[in-house]
Amino acid sequence: MKTTYDRETDTLTITLREVRIRESHEVRPGVIADFGYDGDIVRFEVLEASKHVENATEMQFAVAG
């Protein structure tokens, strides 16, 4: 899993796996879900991320259980 923030476009991308994207759907205004050829989710993109994320340049990671 990889998370990137592009300051130029103000886009936060959360990539779950590295495969080719077949289609994309805007699941909520400004939130795009990308799907692979197998129909499973590949990544999420959050447009205008600075409006939705407290600090897009800082990240915390935790594993539960």
Protein backbone atom coordinates (compact mmCIF):
# COMPACT_ATOMS: atom_id res chain seq x y z
CA MET A 1 0.00 0.00 0.00
CA LYS A 2 1.27 3.45 -0.88
CA THR A 3 -0.02 6.94 -0.13
CA THR A 4 1.10 10.03 -2.05
CA TYR A 5 0.17 13.68 -1.84
CA ASP A 6 0.73 15.97 -4.83
CA ARG A 7 0.93 19.59 -3.67
CA GLU A 8 0.63 20.92 -7.23
CA THR A 9 -2.73 19.26 -7.85
CA ASP A 10 -3.75 19.04 -4.16
CA THR A 11 -4.53 15.35 -4.67
CA LEU A 12 -4.14 12.56 -2.13
CA THR A 13 -3.80 9.08 -3.67
CA ILE A 14 -4.07 5.87 -1.68
CA THR A 15 -2.86 2.93 -3.78
CA LEU A 16 -3.79 -0.51 -2.50
CA ARG A 17 -2.07 -2.52 -5.24
CA GLU A 18 -0.05 -1.90 -8.39
CA VAL A 19 -2.19 -3.12 -11.30
CA ARG A 20 -3.66 -1.53 -14.42
CA ILE A 21 -6.84 0.46 -13.91
CA ARG A 22 -9.85 -0.50 -16.00
CA GLU A 23 -12.37 2.07 -14.81
CA SER A 24 -12.90 4.89 -12.34
CA HIS A 25 -15.99 6.12 -10.54
CA GLU A 26 -16.54 9.29 -8.54
CA VAL A 27 -18.12 7.68 -5.46
CA ARG A 28 -18.64 11.01 -3.70
CA PRO A 29 -17.90 14.55 -4.89
CA GLY A 30 -14.11 14.76 -5.09
CA VAL A 31 -13.47 11.09 -4.22
CA ILE A 32 -12.57 8.77 -7.09
CA ALA A 33 -12.33 4.99 -6.77
CA ASP A 34 -10.25 3.17 -9.40
CA PHE A 35 -10.93 -0.48 -10.24
CA GLY A 36 -8.74 -3.09 -11.91
CA TYR A 37 -9.63 -5.53 -14.68
CA ASP A 38 -10.63 -8.07 -12.00
CA GLY A 39 -13.26 -5.62 -10.69
CA ASP A 40 -11.51 -5.10 -7.35
CA ILE A 41 -10.50 -1.72 -5.95
CA VAL A 42 -7.02 -0.50 -6.87
CA ARG A 43 -6.82 3.01 -5.41
CA PHE A 44 -8.66 6.04 -4.11
CA GLU A 45 -8.01 9.64 -5.10
CA VAL A 46 -9.12 12.59 -2.98
CA LEU A 47 -9.32 15.82 -4.94
CA GLU A 48 -8.78 19.14 -3.12
CA ALA A 49 -7.27 17.05 -0.34
CA SER A 50 -6.19 20.02 1.77
CA LYS A 51 -9.89 20.76 2.35
CA HIS A 52 -10.51 17.25 3.74
CA VAL A 53 -7.27 16.18 5.42
CA GLU A 54 -5.85 17.95 8.49
CA ASN A 55 -2.24 17.74 7.31
CA ALA A 56 -1.76 16.07 3.93
CA THR A 57 2.03 16.09 4.28
CA GLU A 58 2.00 14.08 7.53
CA MET A 59 0.85 10.49 8.00
CA GLN A 60 0.30 8.06 10.86
CA PHE A 61 0.21 4.33 10.33
CA ALA A 62 -1.16 1.72 12.71
CA VAL A 63 -1.83 -2.00 12.54
CA ALA A 64 -4.57 -3.31 14.82
CA GLY A 65 -4.67 -6.79 16.32
